[in-house]
N, C-alpha and C. Protein backbone atom coordinates (compact mmCIF):
# COMPACT_ATOMS: atom_id res chain seq x y z
N MET A 1 122.62 103.19 79.51
CA MET A 1 123.56 104.26 79.76
C MET A 1 122.89 105.34 80.61
N GLU A 2 123.59 105.80 81.64
CA GLU A 2 123.05 106.82 82.53
C GLU A 2 123.28 108.20 81.93
N THR A 3 122.26 109.02 82.02
CA THR A 3 122.36 110.39 81.54
C THR A 3 121.77 111.32 82.57
N ALA A 4 122.04 112.61 82.42
CA ALA A 4 121.45 113.60 83.32
C ALA A 4 119.94 113.55 83.23
N GLN A 5 119.41 113.28 82.04
CA GLN A 5 117.96 113.19 81.85
C GLN A 5 117.39 112.02 82.65
N ASN A 6 118.06 110.88 82.64
CA ASN A 6 117.64 109.74 83.45
C ASN A 6 117.70 110.07 84.93
N ASP A 7 118.79 110.74 85.34
CA ASP A 7 118.91 111.12 86.74
C ASP A 7 117.74 112.00 87.17
N GLU A 8 117.35 112.94 86.33
CA GLU A 8 116.21 113.81 86.66
C GLU A 8 114.92 113.00 86.72
N PHE A 9 114.73 112.09 85.79
CA PHE A 9 113.52 111.26 85.79
C PHE A 9 113.40 110.48 87.10
N TYR A 10 114.47 109.80 87.49
CA TYR A 10 114.41 108.99 88.71
C TYR A 10 114.36 109.86 89.97
N MET A 11 114.98 111.04 89.92
CA MET A 11 114.87 111.93 91.08
C MET A 11 113.43 112.41 91.23
N ARG A 12 112.74 112.61 90.14
CA ARG A 12 111.31 112.99 90.23
C ARG A 12 110.51 111.86 90.89
N GLU A 13 110.90 110.63 90.64
CA GLU A 13 110.24 109.50 91.31
C GLU A 13 110.55 109.52 92.81
N ALA A 14 111.78 109.86 93.16
CA ALA A 14 112.14 109.98 94.58
C ALA A 14 111.37 111.14 95.22
N LEU A 15 111.17 112.22 94.47
CA LEU A 15 110.37 113.34 94.98
C LEU A 15 108.93 112.92 95.27
N LYS A 16 108.39 112.03 94.46
CA LYS A 16 107.03 111.51 94.73
C LYS A 16 107.00 110.81 96.08
N GLU A 17 108.05 110.09 96.39
CA GLU A 17 108.15 109.42 97.70
C GLU A 17 108.28 110.44 98.82
N ALA A 18 109.04 111.50 98.57
CA ALA A 18 109.19 112.56 99.58
C ALA A 18 107.84 113.22 99.86
N ILE A 19 107.04 113.39 98.84
CA ILE A 19 105.70 113.97 99.02
C ILE A 19 104.83 113.03 99.84
N ARG A 20 104.97 111.73 99.63
CA ARG A 20 104.25 110.76 100.47
C ARG A 20 104.66 110.91 101.93
N ALA A 21 105.95 111.12 102.17
CA ALA A 21 106.43 111.33 103.53
C ALA A 21 105.81 112.60 104.12
N ARG A 22 105.87 113.68 103.36
CA ARG A 22 105.28 114.94 103.83
C ARG A 22 103.80 114.77 104.17
N ASP A 23 103.08 114.09 103.30
CA ASP A 23 101.65 113.88 103.51
C ASP A 23 101.36 113.01 104.74
N ALA A 24 102.35 112.22 105.15
CA ALA A 24 102.24 111.40 106.37
C ALA A 24 102.81 112.14 107.58
N ASP A 25 103.11 113.43 107.41
CA ASP A 25 103.70 114.28 108.45
C ASP A 25 105.08 113.78 108.89
N GLU A 26 105.82 113.24 107.94
CA GLU A 26 107.20 112.83 108.14
C GLU A 26 108.10 113.84 107.43
N VAL A 27 109.36 113.93 107.84
CA VAL A 27 110.30 114.78 107.12
C VAL A 27 110.33 114.30 105.67
N PRO A 28 110.09 115.21 104.71
CA PRO A 28 109.91 114.81 103.32
C PRO A 28 111.20 114.44 102.58
N VAL A 29 111.64 113.23 102.82
CA VAL A 29 112.77 112.67 102.09
C VAL A 29 112.28 111.39 101.44
N GLY A 30 112.59 111.23 100.16
CA GLY A 30 112.18 110.04 99.43
C GLY A 30 113.35 109.43 98.69
N ALA A 31 113.22 108.14 98.38
CA ALA A 31 114.29 107.43 97.70
C ALA A 31 113.72 106.37 96.77
N VAL A 32 114.43 106.11 95.69
CA VAL A 32 114.15 104.96 94.83
C VAL A 32 115.48 104.31 94.50
N ILE A 33 115.42 103.01 94.26
CA ILE A 33 116.62 102.28 93.82
C ILE A 33 116.32 101.70 92.45
N VAL A 34 117.26 101.92 91.54
CA VAL A 34 117.12 101.51 90.15
C VAL A 34 118.16 100.46 89.83
N CYS A 35 117.70 99.40 89.15
CA CYS A 35 118.60 98.35 88.69
C CYS A 35 118.20 97.98 87.26
N SER A 36 119.14 97.97 86.37
CA SER A 36 118.89 97.64 84.96
C SER A 36 117.75 98.48 84.37
N GLY A 37 117.74 99.76 84.71
CA GLY A 37 116.75 100.67 84.14
C GLY A 37 115.36 100.58 84.73
N LYS A 38 115.18 99.82 85.81
CA LYS A 38 113.87 99.69 86.44
C LYS A 38 113.94 100.06 87.91
N ILE A 39 112.89 100.70 88.38
CA ILE A 39 112.80 100.98 89.81
C ILE A 39 112.44 99.67 90.50
N ILE A 40 113.31 99.23 91.41
CA ILE A 40 113.05 97.98 92.12
C ILE A 40 112.67 98.21 93.58
N ALA A 41 112.82 99.46 94.04
CA ALA A 41 112.49 99.74 95.44
C ALA A 41 112.17 101.22 95.60
N ARG A 42 111.28 101.48 96.55
CA ARG A 42 110.91 102.85 96.90
C ARG A 42 110.91 102.95 98.41
N GLY A 43 111.17 104.14 98.91
CA GLY A 43 111.12 104.35 100.34
C GLY A 43 110.97 105.82 100.66
N TYR A 44 110.43 106.09 101.82
CA TYR A 44 110.38 107.45 102.31
C TYR A 44 110.52 107.41 103.82
N ASN A 45 110.88 108.57 104.39
CA ASN A 45 111.06 108.64 105.84
C ASN A 45 109.81 108.16 106.53
N TYR A 46 110.00 107.31 107.54
CA TYR A 46 108.87 106.76 108.28
C TYR A 46 109.23 106.65 109.76
N THR A 47 110.11 107.54 110.21
CA THR A 47 110.63 107.46 111.57
C THR A 47 109.58 107.77 112.63
N GLU A 48 108.71 108.72 112.36
CA GLU A 48 107.68 109.10 113.34
C GLU A 48 106.65 107.99 113.52
N HIS A 49 106.18 107.45 112.42
CA HIS A 49 105.15 106.41 112.48
C HIS A 49 105.65 105.11 113.08
N LEU A 50 106.89 104.77 112.80
CA LEU A 50 107.46 103.53 113.34
C LEU A 50 108.14 103.75 114.69
N ASN A 51 108.28 105.03 115.08
CA ASN A 51 109.01 105.36 116.30
C ASN A 51 110.40 104.72 116.25
N ASP A 52 111.06 104.90 115.11
CA ASP A 52 112.34 104.24 114.83
C ASP A 52 113.26 105.23 114.13
N VAL A 53 114.30 105.65 114.81
CA VAL A 53 115.21 106.64 114.24
C VAL A 53 115.97 106.13 113.01
N THR A 54 115.97 104.83 112.79
CA THR A 54 116.68 104.28 111.62
C THR A 54 115.78 104.16 110.39
N ALA A 55 114.53 104.55 110.48
CA ALA A 55 113.59 104.35 109.37
C ALA A 55 113.67 105.47 108.34
N HIS A 56 114.89 105.80 107.93
CA HIS A 56 115.10 106.81 106.89
C HIS A 56 114.70 106.25 105.53
N ALA A 57 114.46 107.14 104.58
CA ALA A 57 114.05 106.74 103.23
C ALA A 57 115.03 105.75 102.62
N GLU A 58 116.33 106.03 102.76
CA GLU A 58 117.33 105.15 102.17
C GLU A 58 117.27 103.75 102.79
N MET A 59 117.12 103.69 104.10
CA MET A 59 117.09 102.40 104.79
C MET A 59 115.88 101.58 104.34
N GLN A 60 114.74 102.26 104.18
CA GLN A 60 113.54 101.58 103.70
C GLN A 60 113.78 101.03 102.29
N ALA A 61 114.42 101.85 101.45
CA ALA A 61 114.68 101.43 100.07
C ALA A 61 115.72 100.31 100.01
N PHE A 62 116.76 100.38 100.84
CA PHE A 62 117.77 99.30 100.85
C PHE A 62 117.11 97.96 101.18
N THR A 63 116.28 97.96 102.21
CA THR A 63 115.62 96.71 102.62
C THR A 63 114.74 96.18 101.52
N SER A 64 113.96 97.06 100.91
CA SER A 64 113.06 96.65 99.84
C SER A 64 113.84 96.11 98.63
N ALA A 65 114.92 96.80 98.25
CA ALA A 65 115.72 96.36 97.11
C ALA A 65 116.38 95.01 97.38
N SER A 66 116.90 94.83 98.58
CA SER A 66 117.53 93.55 98.93
C SER A 66 116.51 92.42 98.89
N ASN A 67 115.31 92.69 99.38
CA ASN A 67 114.24 91.68 99.31
C ASN A 67 113.89 91.37 97.86
N HIS A 68 113.81 92.40 97.04
CA HIS A 68 113.47 92.21 95.62
C HIS A 68 114.52 91.36 94.90
N LEU A 69 115.79 91.65 95.17
CA LEU A 69 116.88 90.94 94.48
C LEU A 69 117.22 89.60 95.13
N GLY A 70 116.79 89.42 96.37
CA GLY A 70 117.10 88.17 97.05
C GLY A 70 118.53 88.11 97.56
N GLY A 71 119.13 89.27 97.80
CA GLY A 71 120.49 89.31 98.32
C GLY A 71 120.78 90.68 98.90
N LYS A 72 121.84 90.75 99.70
CA LYS A 72 122.12 92.00 100.41
C LYS A 72 122.96 93.00 99.62
N TYR A 73 123.56 92.60 98.54
CA TYR A 73 124.42 93.50 97.78
C TYR A 73 123.66 94.17 96.65
N LEU A 74 123.87 95.47 96.53
CA LEU A 74 123.20 96.28 95.51
C LEU A 74 124.23 96.89 94.57
N ASN A 75 125.27 96.11 94.26
CA ASN A 75 126.41 96.62 93.51
C ASN A 75 126.13 96.89 92.03
N GLU A 76 124.92 96.60 91.58
CA GLU A 76 124.54 96.95 90.21
C GLU A 76 123.36 97.91 90.21
N CYS A 77 123.21 98.64 91.30
CA CYS A 77 122.05 99.51 91.49
C CYS A 77 122.48 100.95 91.74
N THR A 78 121.51 101.85 91.54
CA THR A 78 121.70 103.27 91.84
C THR A 78 120.62 103.71 92.81
N LEU A 79 121.04 104.40 93.86
CA LEU A 79 120.12 105.01 94.82
C LEU A 79 119.90 106.45 94.42
N TYR A 80 118.63 106.84 94.28
CA TYR A 80 118.25 108.24 94.08
C TYR A 80 117.55 108.67 95.35
N VAL A 81 118.04 109.74 95.97
CA VAL A 81 117.46 110.20 97.23
C VAL A 81 117.42 111.73 97.21
N THR A 82 116.34 112.29 97.73
CA THR A 82 116.12 113.73 97.62
C THR A 82 117.01 114.57 98.52
N LEU A 83 117.61 113.97 99.54
CA LEU A 83 118.50 114.68 100.45
C LEU A 83 119.78 113.87 100.61
N GLU A 84 120.88 114.55 100.65
CA GLU A 84 122.17 113.88 100.86
C GLU A 84 122.07 112.92 102.04
N PRO A 85 122.54 111.69 101.89
CA PRO A 85 122.46 110.72 102.98
C PRO A 85 123.21 111.18 104.23
N CYS A 86 122.67 110.81 105.38
CA CYS A 86 123.35 111.06 106.65
C CYS A 86 124.46 110.02 106.82
N VAL A 87 125.19 110.13 107.90
CA VAL A 87 126.28 109.20 108.18
C VAL A 87 125.77 107.76 108.30
N MET A 88 124.63 107.57 108.97
CA MET A 88 124.07 106.22 109.13
C MET A 88 123.74 105.61 107.77
N CYS A 89 123.07 106.39 106.92
CA CYS A 89 122.66 105.86 105.61
C CYS A 89 123.86 105.65 104.69
N ALA A 90 124.87 106.51 104.81
CA ALA A 90 126.10 106.31 104.04
C ALA A 90 126.78 105.02 104.47
N GLY A 91 126.79 104.76 105.78
CA GLY A 91 127.37 103.51 106.27
C GLY A 91 126.63 102.30 105.76
N ALA A 92 125.29 102.39 105.75
CA ALA A 92 124.49 101.28 105.21
C ALA A 92 124.76 101.12 103.72
N ALA A 93 124.90 102.24 103.01
CA ALA A 93 125.20 102.18 101.58
C ALA A 93 126.53 101.47 101.35
N PHE A 94 127.51 101.73 102.23
CA PHE A 94 128.80 101.04 102.14
C PHE A 94 128.58 99.53 102.16
N TRP A 95 127.79 99.06 103.13
CA TRP A 95 127.60 97.61 103.29
C TRP A 95 126.81 97.00 102.15
N THR A 96 125.95 97.79 101.50
CA THR A 96 125.22 97.25 100.34
C THR A 96 126.10 97.20 99.10
N GLN A 97 127.21 97.95 99.12
CA GLN A 97 128.11 98.09 97.98
C GLN A 97 127.41 98.71 96.77
N ILE A 98 126.44 99.59 97.03
CA ILE A 98 125.68 100.22 95.94
C ILE A 98 126.64 100.91 94.98
N SER A 99 126.36 100.81 93.69
CA SER A 99 127.31 101.32 92.71
C SER A 99 127.27 102.83 92.56
N LYS A 100 126.09 103.44 92.79
CA LYS A 100 126.00 104.88 92.59
C LYS A 100 124.93 105.46 93.52
N ILE A 101 125.21 106.67 94.00
CA ILE A 101 124.24 107.44 94.77
C ILE A 101 124.05 108.77 94.07
N VAL A 102 122.79 109.10 93.81
CA VAL A 102 122.45 110.40 93.24
C VAL A 102 121.53 111.08 94.25
N TYR A 103 121.92 112.27 94.70
CA TYR A 103 121.06 112.97 95.65
C TYR A 103 120.69 114.35 95.14
N GLY A 104 119.62 114.88 95.72
CA GLY A 104 119.12 116.19 95.32
C GLY A 104 119.76 117.29 96.14
N ALA A 105 119.16 117.63 97.28
CA ALA A 105 119.65 118.72 98.12
C ALA A 105 120.80 118.25 99.00
N ARG A 106 121.73 119.14 99.22
CA ARG A 106 122.82 118.86 100.14
C ARG A 106 122.32 119.07 101.57
N ASP A 107 122.83 118.28 102.50
CA ASP A 107 122.46 118.43 103.91
C ASP A 107 123.66 119.02 104.65
N ASP A 108 123.62 120.32 104.83
CA ASP A 108 124.75 121.02 105.45
C ASP A 108 124.85 120.80 106.95
N LYS A 109 123.83 120.21 107.56
CA LYS A 109 123.85 119.97 109.01
C LYS A 109 124.22 118.53 109.36
N ARG A 110 123.71 117.57 108.58
CA ARG A 110 123.90 116.16 108.95
C ARG A 110 124.31 115.25 107.80
N GLY A 111 124.67 115.82 106.67
CA GLY A 111 125.06 115.01 105.52
C GLY A 111 126.38 114.30 105.72
N TYR A 112 126.52 113.15 105.09
CA TYR A 112 127.74 112.35 105.25
C TYR A 112 128.98 113.10 104.77
N SER A 113 128.80 114.01 103.81
CA SER A 113 129.99 114.68 103.26
C SER A 113 130.65 115.61 104.28
N LEU A 114 129.96 115.95 105.35
CA LEU A 114 130.61 116.72 106.42
C LEU A 114 131.77 115.93 107.00
N VAL A 115 131.60 114.64 107.14
CA VAL A 115 132.67 113.78 107.64
C VAL A 115 133.73 113.61 106.56
N GLU A 116 133.29 113.49 105.31
CA GLU A 116 134.23 113.33 104.20
C GLU A 116 135.17 114.53 104.11
N ARG A 117 134.68 115.72 104.46
CA ARG A 117 135.48 116.94 104.37
C ARG A 117 136.28 117.21 105.64
N SER A 118 136.12 116.37 106.65
CA SER A 118 136.83 116.58 107.91
C SER A 118 138.32 116.25 107.73
N PRO A 119 139.17 116.68 108.68
CA PRO A 119 140.61 116.39 108.56
C PRO A 119 140.91 114.89 108.43
N ALA A 120 140.15 114.05 109.12
CA ALA A 120 140.38 112.60 109.00
C ALA A 120 140.07 112.15 107.59
N GLY A 121 138.95 112.66 107.05
CA GLY A 121 138.60 112.52 105.65
C GLY A 121 138.47 111.14 105.05
N SER A 122 138.37 110.08 105.84
CA SER A 122 138.20 108.77 105.23
C SER A 122 136.77 108.62 104.74
N SER A 123 136.59 107.93 103.65
CA SER A 123 135.27 107.82 103.03
C SER A 123 134.36 106.86 103.79
N LEU A 124 133.11 107.27 103.93
CA LEU A 124 132.09 106.41 104.53
C LEU A 124 131.48 105.47 103.49
N LEU A 125 131.66 105.80 102.23
CA LEU A 125 131.07 105.01 101.14
C LEU A 125 132.05 103.95 100.65
N HIS A 126 131.50 102.93 100.01
CA HIS A 126 132.33 101.90 99.40
C HIS A 126 133.23 102.55 98.35
N PRO A 127 134.46 102.09 98.22
CA PRO A 127 135.39 102.71 97.26
C PRO A 127 134.89 102.73 95.82
N LYS A 128 134.03 101.80 95.45
CA LYS A 128 133.53 101.75 94.07
C LYS A 128 132.25 102.56 93.86
N THR A 129 131.69 103.12 94.94
CA THR A 129 130.45 103.89 94.82
C THR A 129 130.74 105.26 94.23
N LYS A 130 130.01 105.59 93.17
CA LYS A 130 130.10 106.91 92.55
C LYS A 130 128.98 107.77 93.13
N VAL A 131 129.21 109.08 93.22
CA VAL A 131 128.23 109.99 93.80
C VAL A 131 128.01 111.17 92.86
N THR A 132 126.75 111.53 92.67
CA THR A 132 126.36 112.74 91.96
C THR A 132 125.39 113.50 92.86
N GLY A 133 125.69 114.73 93.13
CA GLY A 133 124.81 115.55 93.96
C GLY A 133 124.22 116.70 93.18
N GLY A 134 123.15 117.29 93.73
CA GLY A 134 122.56 118.48 93.15
C GLY A 134 121.55 118.25 92.05
N VAL A 135 121.08 117.02 91.87
CA VAL A 135 120.08 116.74 90.84
C VAL A 135 118.72 117.20 91.36
N LEU A 136 118.10 118.12 90.64
CA LEU A 136 116.84 118.76 91.06
C LEU A 136 116.96 119.32 92.47
N GLU A 137 118.12 119.89 92.75
CA GLU A 137 118.43 120.40 94.09
C GLU A 137 117.40 121.40 94.59
N LYS A 138 116.97 122.31 93.73
CA LYS A 138 116.03 123.34 94.16
C LYS A 138 114.69 122.72 94.57
N GLU A 139 114.14 121.84 93.75
CA GLU A 139 112.86 121.21 94.07
C GLU A 139 112.95 120.40 95.37
N CYS A 140 114.03 119.65 95.50
CA CYS A 140 114.21 118.83 96.70
C CYS A 140 114.36 119.71 97.95
N GLY A 141 115.17 120.74 97.84
CA GLY A 141 115.38 121.64 98.96
C GLY A 141 114.14 122.44 99.31
N ASP A 142 113.41 122.90 98.30
CA ASP A 142 112.18 123.67 98.55
C ASP A 142 111.16 122.85 99.32
N LEU A 143 111.02 121.58 99.00
CA LEU A 143 110.07 120.71 99.69
C LEU A 143 110.42 120.63 101.18
N LEU A 144 111.69 120.47 101.49
CA LEU A 144 112.13 120.41 102.88
C LEU A 144 111.96 121.76 103.59
N ARG A 145 112.37 122.84 102.93
CA ARG A 145 112.24 124.16 103.55
C ARG A 145 110.79 124.49 103.86
N GLU A 146 109.90 124.21 102.94
CA GLU A 146 108.47 124.48 103.15
C GLU A 146 107.91 123.64 104.30
N PHE A 147 108.30 122.38 104.39
CA PHE A 147 107.85 121.52 105.47
C PHE A 147 108.26 122.10 106.82
N PHE A 148 109.51 122.46 106.97
CA PHE A 148 109.99 122.99 108.25
C PHE A 148 109.45 124.38 108.53
N ARG A 149 109.22 125.18 107.51
CA ARG A 149 108.61 126.50 107.70
C ARG A 149 107.22 126.34 108.31
N LYS A 150 106.44 125.40 107.77
CA LYS A 150 105.10 125.16 108.30
C LYS A 150 105.15 124.60 109.72
N LYS A 151 106.13 123.77 110.00
CA LYS A 151 106.28 123.21 111.36
C LYS A 151 106.57 124.32 112.37
N ARG A 152 107.42 125.27 111.98
CA ARG A 152 107.76 126.38 112.87
C ARG A 152 106.55 127.26 113.14
N MET A 153 105.66 127.38 112.15
CA MET A 153 104.48 128.25 112.29
C MET A 153 103.39 127.62 113.15
N SER A 154 103.40 126.29 113.28
CA SER A 154 102.31 125.64 114.01
C SER A 154 102.62 125.44 115.48
């Protein structure tokens, strides 16, 4: 059974991945995918090192989870990610049919929900995907704000 306490536990695991990204001088976003109460995949932003704009934390985690399960559908899994998914990652989540997305900080500039709130308003996510936002929002947001503050100073 999923609880707010479980969501916080797994979001802390995603934060560990975000710290790995920060330490690699990547935008500090981390993700984990949970299936049957176990973390089956981890990922963090790796776009700079791979020189690949698609190497977001979620994409890394989707690939790892699919490899772990031996199939492309993640319909019995939950994605925990420290920042609201962008449109690309929301689209990928649609194709995985992931059952739930839990995110930390909202992305007011590039988050998928900007499209969801638009007049067209059609969902980018699979109809069965549930979403919970704001889990450890302050910690997730602070990590990003501090990263960009330091970038601006250098």
